Amino acid sequence: MKRLVPYILLALTGLNVCILSAQAASGNEKYMYLGVLNGQVKDNSVVKVRRTLPEPVLFRSDKNDGLPERIVIRNAEGRTSSGGSHWVTLRETTVQKNAAAKVTIKMSLIVDGKKMPIVSSQRGQDLVIEVAGASDTIEIRTDEPVELEVPANYRGNIKMEVQIEGENIA
């Protein structure tokens, strides 16, 4: 009699992730298709997936578009990271009844070609990043893989929307 050894299949077949980045002044949208993803089961309840985005620039504004004084990331929470970067977490609750998918992105603020420390505050459900002293360009970018967490028993497509907008005070 053969002894069956339980294995956990770490593949989430058919899991598609689409990250949308809405850009401030010009109203551009980017769709980043990450394809079928495989991950590791964590605490027997969620699957963690790490994937590098095909386009690291999530937001870009230059003097021709009008430089914003603030950058607002909708429905996001932030916490500081080393080197002046920021971990930004977004949740998608429509995945399952009592469980949510979440994506965590390490973001950096680039002002006029130089990396600047991110100074942020929470405004309701939105994360607000203050931008000071920009004269030419502002970028929000990620140079590390994003981390997606989904319920372990979920199968299907996921569309995560990352909405980043520029805002002026006046």
N, C-alpha and C. Protein backbone atom coordinates (compact mmCIF):
# COMPACT_ATOMS: atom_id res chain seq x y z
N MET A 1 0.85 -1.17 0.00
CA MET A 1 0.00 0.00 0.00
C MET A 1 0.90 1.24 0.00
N LYS A 2 0.59 2.09 -0.91
CA LYS A 2 1.40 3.30 -1.01
C LYS A 2 0.94 4.31 0.04
N ARG A 3 1.91 4.95 0.57
CA ARG A 3 1.61 5.97 1.56
C ARG A 3 1.54 7.32 0.85
N LEU A 4 0.45 8.00 1.03
CA LEU A 4 0.28 9.30 0.39
C LEU A 4 0.84 10.40 1.28
N VAL A 5 1.68 11.17 0.74
CA VAL A 5 2.24 12.30 1.47
C VAL A 5 1.56 13.56 0.96
N PRO A 6 0.94 14.31 1.86
CA PRO A 6 0.23 15.50 1.40
C PRO A 6 1.20 16.59 0.93
N TYR A 7 0.90 17.12 -0.17
CA TYR A 7 1.67 18.24 -0.72
C TYR A 7 0.72 19.40 -0.94
N ILE A 8 1.23 20.55 -0.77
CA ILE A 8 0.44 21.74 -1.05
C ILE A 8 0.90 22.28 -2.40
N LEU A 9 -0.03 22.36 -3.28
CA LEU A 9 0.27 22.91 -4.60
C LEU A 9 0.31 24.43 -4.47
N LEU A 10 1.44 24.99 -4.78
CA LEU A 10 1.61 26.42 -4.59
C LEU A 10 1.20 27.24 -5.80
N ALA A 11 0.65 26.59 -6.77
CA ALA A 11 0.29 27.31 -7.99
C ALA A 11 -1.13 27.83 -7.89
N LEU A 12 -1.29 29.04 -8.25
CA LEU A 12 -2.62 29.63 -8.38
C LEU A 12 -2.88 29.74 -9.88
N THR A 13 -3.48 28.75 -10.44
CA THR A 13 -3.67 28.78 -11.88
C THR A 13 -4.73 29.81 -12.24
N GLY A 14 -4.44 30.51 -13.25
CA GLY A 14 -5.39 31.50 -13.75
C GLY A 14 -5.42 32.78 -12.95
N LEU A 15 -4.44 33.03 -12.09
CA LEU A 15 -4.44 34.25 -11.30
C LEU A 15 -3.78 35.36 -12.11
N ASN A 16 -4.54 36.31 -12.46
CA ASN A 16 -4.04 37.44 -13.22
C ASN A 16 -4.11 38.67 -12.33
N VAL A 17 -3.11 39.50 -12.39
CA VAL A 17 -3.10 40.72 -11.61
C VAL A 17 -2.93 41.87 -12.57
N CYS A 18 -3.76 42.85 -12.43
CA CYS A 18 -3.68 44.02 -13.29
C CYS A 18 -3.52 45.22 -12.38
N ILE A 19 -2.41 45.91 -12.49
CA ILE A 19 -2.19 47.09 -11.67
C ILE A 19 -2.40 48.31 -12.55
N LEU A 20 -3.28 49.18 -12.11
CA LEU A 20 -3.60 50.38 -12.85
C LEU A 20 -2.96 51.55 -12.15
N SER A 21 -2.28 52.35 -12.89
CA SER A 21 -1.67 53.55 -12.32
C SER A 21 -2.22 54.75 -13.07
N ALA A 22 -3.05 55.51 -12.41
CA ALA A 22 -3.62 56.70 -13.03
C ALA A 22 -2.66 57.85 -12.80
N GLN A 23 -2.24 58.51 -13.85
CA GLN A 23 -1.28 59.58 -13.72
C GLN A 23 -1.99 60.92 -13.62
N ALA A 24 -1.40 61.83 -12.88
CA ALA A 24 -2.03 63.06 -12.45
C ALA A 24 -2.53 63.97 -13.56
N ALA A 25 -1.69 64.79 -14.08
CA ALA A 25 -2.14 65.87 -14.94
C ALA A 25 -2.68 65.39 -16.28
N SER A 26 -2.05 64.42 -16.87
CA SER A 26 -2.46 64.01 -18.20
C SER A 26 -3.56 62.96 -18.20
N GLY A 27 -3.87 62.38 -17.06
CA GLY A 27 -4.94 61.39 -16.99
C GLY A 27 -4.60 60.07 -17.66
N ASN A 28 -3.32 59.77 -17.80
CA ASN A 28 -2.90 58.51 -18.42
C ASN A 28 -3.18 57.33 -17.50
N GLU A 29 -3.45 56.20 -18.10
CA GLU A 29 -3.63 54.96 -17.35
C GLU A 29 -2.70 53.92 -17.92
N LYS A 30 -2.16 53.09 -17.03
CA LYS A 30 -1.30 51.99 -17.44
C LYS A 30 -1.91 50.71 -16.89
N TYR A 31 -1.92 49.69 -17.69
CA TYR A 31 -2.33 48.37 -17.23
C TYR A 31 -1.12 47.47 -17.30
N MET A 32 -0.80 46.84 -16.19
CA MET A 32 0.34 45.94 -16.14
C MET A 32 -0.17 44.54 -15.86
N TYR A 33 -0.08 43.69 -16.85
CA TYR A 33 -0.53 42.31 -16.72
C TYR A 33 0.63 41.47 -16.21
N LEU A 34 0.44 40.82 -15.08
CA LEU A 34 1.52 40.04 -14.48
C LEU A 34 1.46 38.56 -14.81
N GLY A 35 0.40 38.13 -15.47
CA GLY A 35 0.31 36.74 -15.89
C GLY A 35 -0.11 35.80 -14.79
N VAL A 36 0.06 34.52 -15.04
CA VAL A 36 -0.26 33.49 -14.06
C VAL A 36 0.84 33.49 -13.00
N LEU A 37 0.43 33.50 -11.74
CA LEU A 37 1.39 33.63 -10.66
C LEU A 37 1.39 32.42 -9.74
N ASN A 38 2.54 32.08 -9.24
CA ASN A 38 2.70 31.02 -8.24
C ASN A 38 3.23 31.66 -6.97
N GLY A 39 2.87 31.11 -5.82
CA GLY A 39 3.33 31.71 -4.58
C GLY A 39 3.54 30.69 -3.49
N GLN A 40 3.79 31.19 -2.29
CA GLN A 40 4.02 30.35 -1.13
C GLN A 40 2.88 30.53 -0.14
N VAL A 41 2.40 29.42 0.42
CA VAL A 41 1.33 29.47 1.41
C VAL A 41 1.91 29.95 2.73
N LYS A 42 1.25 30.93 3.33
CA LYS A 42 1.69 31.51 4.60
C LYS A 42 0.59 31.30 5.64
N ASP A 43 0.93 30.73 6.77
CA ASP A 43 -0.02 30.50 7.87
C ASP A 43 -1.26 29.74 7.43
N ASN A 44 -1.14 28.94 6.40
CA ASN A 44 -2.24 28.10 5.91
C ASN A 44 -3.49 28.89 5.52
N SER A 45 -3.35 30.21 5.32
CA SER A 45 -4.53 31.00 5.00
C SER A 45 -4.35 31.92 3.80
N VAL A 46 -3.13 32.36 3.52
CA VAL A 46 -2.91 33.24 2.38
C VAL A 46 -1.74 32.72 1.55
N VAL A 47 -1.75 33.10 0.28
CA VAL A 47 -0.65 32.78 -0.62
C VAL A 47 0.06 34.09 -0.94
N LYS A 48 1.37 34.11 -0.73
CA LYS A 48 2.18 35.29 -1.02
C LYS A 48 2.87 35.10 -2.37
N VAL A 49 2.78 36.13 -3.18
CA VAL A 49 3.39 36.12 -4.51
C VAL A 49 4.23 37.38 -4.64
N ARG A 50 5.46 37.25 -5.12
CA ARG A 50 6.32 38.41 -5.38
C ARG A 50 6.60 38.46 -6.88
N ARG A 51 6.40 39.64 -7.45
CA ARG A 51 6.60 39.78 -8.90
C ARG A 51 7.13 41.18 -9.19
N THR A 52 8.10 41.27 -10.08
CA THR A 52 8.63 42.55 -10.53
C THR A 52 7.70 43.13 -11.59
N LEU A 53 7.37 44.39 -11.45
CA LEU A 53 6.50 45.04 -12.44
C LEU A 53 7.25 45.26 -13.74
N PRO A 54 6.56 45.17 -14.87
CA PRO A 54 7.23 45.40 -16.15
C PRO A 54 7.65 46.85 -16.34
N GLU A 55 6.97 47.77 -15.70
CA GLU A 55 7.28 49.20 -15.79
C GLU A 55 7.44 49.74 -14.37
N PRO A 56 8.66 50.14 -13.96
CA PRO A 56 8.86 50.57 -12.57
C PRO A 56 8.29 51.95 -12.24
N VAL A 57 8.05 52.80 -13.24
CA VAL A 57 7.52 54.14 -12.97
C VAL A 57 6.00 54.06 -12.86
N LEU A 58 5.49 54.35 -11.66
CA LEU A 58 4.05 54.28 -11.41
C LEU A 58 3.37 55.62 -11.64
N PHE A 59 4.10 56.72 -11.46
CA PHE A 59 3.55 58.07 -11.63
C PHE A 59 4.67 58.96 -12.13
N ARG A 60 4.34 59.81 -13.09
CA ARG A 60 5.32 60.76 -13.60
C ARG A 60 4.61 62.04 -13.99
N SER A 61 5.17 63.15 -13.56
CA SER A 61 4.64 64.46 -13.94
C SER A 61 5.83 65.38 -14.19
N ASP A 62 5.74 66.20 -15.22
CA ASP A 62 6.82 67.15 -15.47
C ASP A 62 6.26 68.56 -15.54
N LYS A 63 7.13 69.53 -15.76
CA LYS A 63 6.71 70.93 -15.73
C LYS A 63 5.71 71.26 -16.83
N ASN A 64 5.71 70.51 -17.93
CA ASN A 64 4.73 70.74 -18.99
C ASN A 64 3.32 70.34 -18.56
N ASP A 65 3.23 69.33 -17.69
CA ASP A 65 1.93 68.89 -17.18
C ASP A 65 1.47 69.73 -16.00
N GLY A 66 2.37 70.45 -15.38
CA GLY A 66 2.08 71.17 -14.15
C GLY A 66 2.43 70.27 -12.98
N LEU A 67 3.40 70.68 -12.19
CA LEU A 67 3.87 69.84 -11.10
C LEU A 67 2.93 69.91 -9.90
N PRO A 68 2.53 68.78 -9.37
CA PRO A 68 1.64 68.79 -8.20
C PRO A 68 2.40 69.11 -6.91
N GLU A 69 1.67 69.60 -5.92
CA GLU A 69 2.25 69.88 -4.61
C GLU A 69 2.11 68.67 -3.68
N ARG A 70 1.17 67.81 -4.02
CA ARG A 70 0.93 66.58 -3.27
C ARG A 70 0.66 65.45 -4.25
N ILE A 71 0.96 64.25 -3.82
CA ILE A 71 0.58 63.06 -4.57
C ILE A 71 -0.32 62.24 -3.67
N VAL A 72 -1.49 61.87 -4.19
CA VAL A 72 -2.47 61.13 -3.41
C VAL A 72 -2.58 59.71 -3.97
N ILE A 73 -2.43 58.73 -3.10
CA ILE A 73 -2.61 57.33 -3.47
C ILE A 73 -3.91 56.89 -2.82
N ARG A 74 -4.91 56.61 -3.62
CA ARG A 74 -6.26 56.29 -3.13
C ARG A 74 -6.30 54.92 -2.46
N ASN A 75 -7.07 54.83 -1.39
CA ASN A 75 -7.32 53.58 -0.67
C ASN A 75 -6.03 52.85 -0.30
N ALA A 76 -5.08 53.59 0.27
CA ALA A 76 -3.77 53.01 0.58
C ALA A 76 -3.34 53.37 2.00
N GLU A 77 -2.50 52.53 2.55
CA GLU A 77 -1.85 52.78 3.84
C GLU A 77 -0.36 52.77 3.59
N GLY A 78 0.37 53.60 4.33
CA GLY A 78 1.81 53.65 4.12
C GLY A 78 2.58 53.53 5.41
N ARG A 79 3.79 53.05 5.29
CA ARG A 79 4.72 53.02 6.43
C ARG A 79 6.13 53.23 5.87
N THR A 80 6.96 53.85 6.68
CA THR A 80 8.31 54.18 6.23
C THR A 80 9.19 52.95 6.10
N SER A 81 10.13 53.07 5.21
CA SER A 81 11.09 52.00 4.95
C SER A 81 12.49 52.61 5.01
N SER A 82 13.47 51.80 4.86
CA SER A 82 14.85 52.29 4.88
C SER A 82 15.15 53.10 3.63
N GLY A 83 16.06 54.04 3.76
CA GLY A 83 16.51 54.82 2.62
C GLY A 83 15.51 55.84 2.12
N GLY A 84 14.52 56.21 2.94
CA GLY A 84 13.55 57.22 2.54
C GLY A 84 12.42 56.70 1.68
N SER A 85 12.39 55.41 1.41
CA SER A 85 11.30 54.83 0.64
C SER A 85 10.08 54.62 1.53
N HIS A 86 9.03 54.10 0.96
CA HIS A 86 7.77 53.90 1.68
C HIS A 86 7.14 52.58 1.23
N TRP A 87 6.64 51.80 2.18
CA TRP A 87 5.85 50.61 1.85
C TRP A 87 4.40 51.07 1.76
N VAL A 88 3.77 50.83 0.64
CA VAL A 88 2.37 51.22 0.44
C VAL A 88 1.55 49.94 0.24
N THR A 89 0.47 49.81 1.02
CA THR A 89 -0.38 48.62 0.96
C THR A 89 -1.78 49.01 0.53
N LEU A 90 -2.30 48.27 -0.45
CA LEU A 90 -3.67 48.47 -0.94
C LEU A 90 -4.42 47.16 -0.79
N ARG A 91 -5.71 47.26 -0.44
CA ARG A 91 -6.53 46.06 -0.24
C ARG A 91 -7.68 46.04 -1.24
N GLU A 92 -8.02 44.83 -1.67
CA GLU A 92 -9.16 44.61 -2.56
C GLU A 92 -10.08 43.63 -1.85
N THR A 93 -11.24 44.11 -1.38
CA THR A 93 -12.12 43.28 -0.56
C THR A 93 -13.12 42.48 -1.37
N THR A 94 -13.18 42.66 -2.65
CA THR A 94 -14.18 41.96 -3.45
C THR A 94 -13.75 40.55 -3.84
N VAL A 95 -12.62 40.08 -3.36
CA VAL A 95 -12.12 38.76 -3.73
C VAL A 95 -12.98 37.66 -3.13
N GLN A 96 -13.20 37.69 -1.83
CA GLN A 96 -14.02 36.71 -1.13
C GLN A 96 -14.74 37.41 0.01
N LYS A 97 -15.75 36.75 0.56
CA LYS A 97 -16.57 37.39 1.59
C LYS A 97 -15.77 37.86 2.79
N ASN A 98 -15.05 36.98 3.44
CA ASN A 98 -14.36 37.34 4.67
C ASN A 98 -12.85 37.49 4.51
N ALA A 99 -12.38 37.59 3.29
CA ALA A 99 -10.95 37.70 3.06
C ALA A 99 -10.68 38.71 1.96
N ALA A 100 -9.55 39.37 2.07
CA ALA A 100 -9.20 40.39 1.09
C ALA A 100 -7.85 40.08 0.48
N ALA A 101 -7.70 40.49 -0.76
CA ALA A 101 -6.38 40.44 -1.39
C ALA A 101 -5.70 41.76 -1.08
N LYS A 102 -4.39 41.73 -0.97
CA LYS A 102 -3.68 42.99 -0.77
C LYS A 102 -2.37 42.96 -1.54
N VAL A 103 -1.97 44.14 -1.97
CA VAL A 103 -0.70 44.29 -2.68
C VAL A 103 0.13 45.31 -1.90
N THR A 104 1.41 45.00 -1.72
CA THR A 104 2.33 45.89 -1.02
C THR A 104 3.44 46.26 -1.99
N ILE A 105 3.66 47.57 -2.11
CA ILE A 105 4.62 48.09 -3.08
C ILE A 105 5.60 49.00 -2.33
N LYS A 106 6.90 48.81 -2.56
CA LYS A 106 7.89 49.72 -2.00
C LYS A 106 8.11 50.84 -3.00
N MET A 107 7.71 52.06 -2.62
CA MET A 107 7.76 53.20 -3.53
C MET A 107 8.85 54.18 -3.13
N SER A 108 9.43 54.81 -4.14
CA SER A 108 10.42 55.86 -3.94
C SER A 108 9.94 57.11 -4.65
N LEU A 109 10.28 58.26 -4.08
CA LEU A 109 9.95 59.55 -4.67
C LEU A 109 11.20 60.10 -5.33
N ILE A 110 11.12 60.38 -6.62
CA ILE A 110 12.24 60.95 -7.37
C ILE A 110 11.82 62.35 -7.80
N VAL A 111 12.54 63.36 -7.31
CA VAL A 111 12.25 64.76 -7.65
C VAL A 111 13.45 65.31 -8.39
N ASP A 112 13.22 65.76 -9.60
CA ASP A 112 14.27 66.32 -10.46
C ASP A 112 15.48 65.38 -10.57
N GLY A 113 15.20 64.08 -10.69
CA GLY A 113 16.24 63.09 -10.88
C GLY A 113 16.94 62.62 -9.62
N LYS A 114 16.55 63.14 -8.45
CA LYS A 114 17.18 62.75 -7.18
C LYS A 114 16.16 62.08 -6.27
N LYS A 115 16.60 61.00 -5.63
CA LYS A 115 15.72 60.31 -4.69
C LYS A 115 15.55 61.15 -3.43
N MET A 116 14.30 61.39 -3.05
CA MET A 116 13.98 62.19 -1.88
C MET A 116 13.25 61.33 -0.86
N PRO A 117 13.42 61.62 0.43
CA PRO A 117 12.65 60.87 1.44
C PRO A 117 11.16 61.21 1.32
N ILE A 118 10.33 60.21 1.51
CA ILE A 118 8.89 60.42 1.40
C ILE A 118 8.35 60.88 2.74
N VAL A 119 7.64 62.00 2.71
CA VAL A 119 6.93 62.52 3.88
C VAL A 119 5.45 62.36 3.57
N SER A 120 4.77 61.53 4.36
CA SER A 120 3.37 61.24 4.03
C SER A 120 2.49 61.36 5.27
N SER A 121 1.19 61.43 5.01
CA SER A 121 0.19 61.42 6.07
C SER A 121 -1.03 60.69 5.54
N GLN A 122 -1.84 60.22 6.46
CA GLN A 122 -3.05 59.51 6.10
C GLN A 122 -4.21 60.50 6.10
N ARG A 123 -4.99 60.55 5.02
CA ARG A 123 -6.18 61.40 4.94
C ARG A 123 -7.36 60.49 4.64
N GLY A 124 -8.04 60.10 5.69
CA GLY A 124 -9.12 59.13 5.52
C GLY A 124 -8.52 57.81 5.06
N GLN A 125 -8.98 57.33 3.92
CA GLN A 125 -8.45 56.07 3.37
C GLN A 125 -7.31 56.29 2.39
N ASP A 126 -6.95 57.55 2.16
CA ASP A 126 -5.92 57.88 1.17
C ASP A 126 -4.59 58.22 1.83
N LEU A 127 -3.51 57.92 1.12
CA LEU A 127 -2.17 58.27 1.55
C LEU A 127 -1.75 59.51 0.78
N VAL A 128 -1.32 60.55 1.49
CA VAL A 128 -0.93 61.82 0.87
C VAL A 128 0.57 62.01 1.04
N ILE A 129 1.27 62.20 -0.07
CA ILE A 129 2.72 62.41 -0.07
C ILE A 129 2.98 63.87 -0.42
N GLU A 130 3.71 64.55 0.45
CA GLU A 130 4.06 65.95 0.21
C GLU A 130 5.26 66.02 -0.73
N VAL A 131 5.16 66.90 -1.73
CA VAL A 131 6.25 67.10 -2.69
C VAL A 131 6.69 68.55 -2.60
N ALA A 132 7.94 68.78 -2.23
CA ALA A 132 8.44 70.14 -2.08
C ALA A 132 9.65 70.36 -2.97
N GLY A 133 9.71 71.54 -3.54
CA GLY A 133 10.90 71.94 -4.27
C GLY A 133 11.12 71.33 -5.64
N ALA A 134 10.08 70.83 -6.27
CA ALA A 134 10.24 70.26 -7.61
C ALA A 134 10.23 71.38 -8.65
N SER A 135 11.16 71.30 -9.60
CA SER A 135 11.17 72.30 -10.66
C SER A 135 11.07 71.68 -12.05
N ASP A 136 11.37 70.39 -12.17
CA ASP A 136 11.38 69.77 -13.49
C ASP A 136 10.48 68.53 -13.58
N THR A 137 10.76 67.49 -12.79
CA THR A 137 9.98 66.26 -12.85
C THR A 137 9.73 65.68 -11.46
N ILE A 138 8.65 64.92 -11.37
CA ILE A 138 8.31 64.16 -10.17
C ILE A 138 7.96 62.75 -10.62
N GLU A 139 8.54 61.75 -9.94
CA GLU A 139 8.23 60.36 -10.24
C GLU A 139 7.99 59.59 -8.96
N ILE A 140 7.04 58.67 -9.02
CA ILE A 140 6.89 57.65 -8.00
C ILE A 140 7.25 56.35 -8.71
N ARG A 141 8.21 55.63 -8.16
CA ARG A 141 8.64 54.41 -8.82
C ARG A 141 8.90 53.31 -7.81
N THR A 142 8.94 52.10 -8.31
CA THR A 142 9.29 50.95 -7.49
C THR A 142 10.39 50.18 -8.20
N ASP A 143 11.42 49.84 -7.46
CA ASP A 143 12.52 49.07 -8.03
C ASP A 143 12.62 47.69 -7.41
N GLU A 144 11.65 47.34 -6.61
CA GLU A 144 11.62 46.02 -5.97
C GLU A 144 10.34 45.31 -6.38
N PRO A 145 10.33 43.99 -6.25
CA PRO A 145 9.10 43.26 -6.59
C PRO A 145 7.94 43.66 -5.68
N VAL A 146 6.74 43.70 -6.25
CA VAL A 146 5.55 43.92 -5.44
C VAL A 146 5.17 42.60 -4.80
N GLU A 147 4.48 42.68 -3.67
CA GLU A 147 4.06 41.48 -2.97
C GLU A 147 2.54 41.44 -2.93
N LEU A 148 1.99 40.39 -3.48
CA LEU A 148 0.55 40.19 -3.52
C LEU A 148 0.19 39.07 -2.56
N GLU A 149 -0.87 39.28 -1.76
CA GLU A 149 -1.38 38.24 -0.87
C GLU A 149 -2.84 38.00 -1.20
N VAL A 150 -3.19 36.74 -1.43
CA VAL A 150 -4.58 36.36 -1.71
C VAL A 150 -4.96 35.20 -0.79
N PRO A 151 -6.27 35.05 -0.51
CA PRO A 151 -6.69 33.91 0.30
C PRO A 151 -6.24 32.60 -0.34
N ALA A 152 -5.81 31.65 0.48
CA ALA A 152 -5.24 30.39 -0.02
C ALA A 152 -6.21 29.59 -0.87
N ASN A 153 -7.49 29.68 -0.58
CA ASN A 153 -8.46 28.88 -1.33
C ASN A 153 -9.07 29.63 -2.51
N TYR A 154 -8.57 30.81 -2.83
CA TYR A 154 -9.11 31.60 -3.94
C TYR A 154 -8.49 31.17 -5.26
N ARG A 155 -9.31 31.03 -6.27
CA ARG A 155 -8.84 30.75 -7.63
C ARG A 155 -9.57 31.72 -8.56
N GLY A 156 -8.86 32.32 -9.46
CA GLY A 156 -9.49 33.21 -10.41
C GLY A 156 -8.66 34.45 -10.67
N ASN A 157 -9.26 35.39 -11.35
CA ASN A 157 -8.58 36.63 -11.72
C ASN A 157 -8.68 37.65 -10.60
N ILE A 158 -7.65 38.47 -10.48
CA ILE A 158 -7.65 39.57 -9.53
C ILE A 158 -7.21 40.82 -10.28
N LYS A 159 -7.92 41.88 -10.06
CA LYS A 159 -7.56 43.17 -10.65
C LYS A 159 -7.37 44.15 -9.50
N MET A 160 -6.14 44.56 -9.27
CA MET A 160 -5.82 45.51 -8.21
C MET A 160 -5.65 46.88 -8.86
N GLU A 161 -6.33 47.85 -8.32
CA GLU A 161 -6.25 49.20 -8.88
C GLU A 161 -5.42 50.08 -7.97
N VAL A 162 -4.32 50.59 -8.50
CA VAL A 162 -3.47 51.52 -7.78
C VAL A 162 -3.70 52.88 -8.40
N GLN A 163 -4.40 53.74 -7.67
CA GLN A 163 -4.76 55.04 -8.21
C GLN A 163 -3.85 56.10 -7.60
N ILE A 164 -3.02 56.72 -8.44
CA ILE A 164 -2.07 57.73 -7.99
C ILE A 164 -2.38 59.02 -8.74
N GLU A 165 -2.62 60.09 -7.99
CA GLU A 165 -3.01 61.36 -8.61
C GLU A 165 -2.20 62.50 -8.02
N GLY A 166 -1.94 63.50 -8.84
CA GLY A 166 -1.31 64.73 -8.37
C GLY A 166 -2.38 65.69 -7.89
N GLU A 167 -2.03 66.52 -6.92
CA GLU A 167 -3.00 67.45 -6.34
C GLU A 167 -2.29 68.75 -6.00
N ASN A 168 -2.94 69.86 -6.29
CA ASN A 168 -2.42 71.17 -5.90
C ASN A 168 -3.26 71.73 -4.77
N ILE A 169 -2.62 72.47 -3.87
CA ILE A 169 -3.30 72.98 -2.68
C ILE A 169 -4.26 74.11 -3.04
N ALA A 170 -3.85 75.01 -3.87
CA ALA A 170 -4.68 76.19 -4.18
C ALA A 170 -5.85 75.89 -5.06
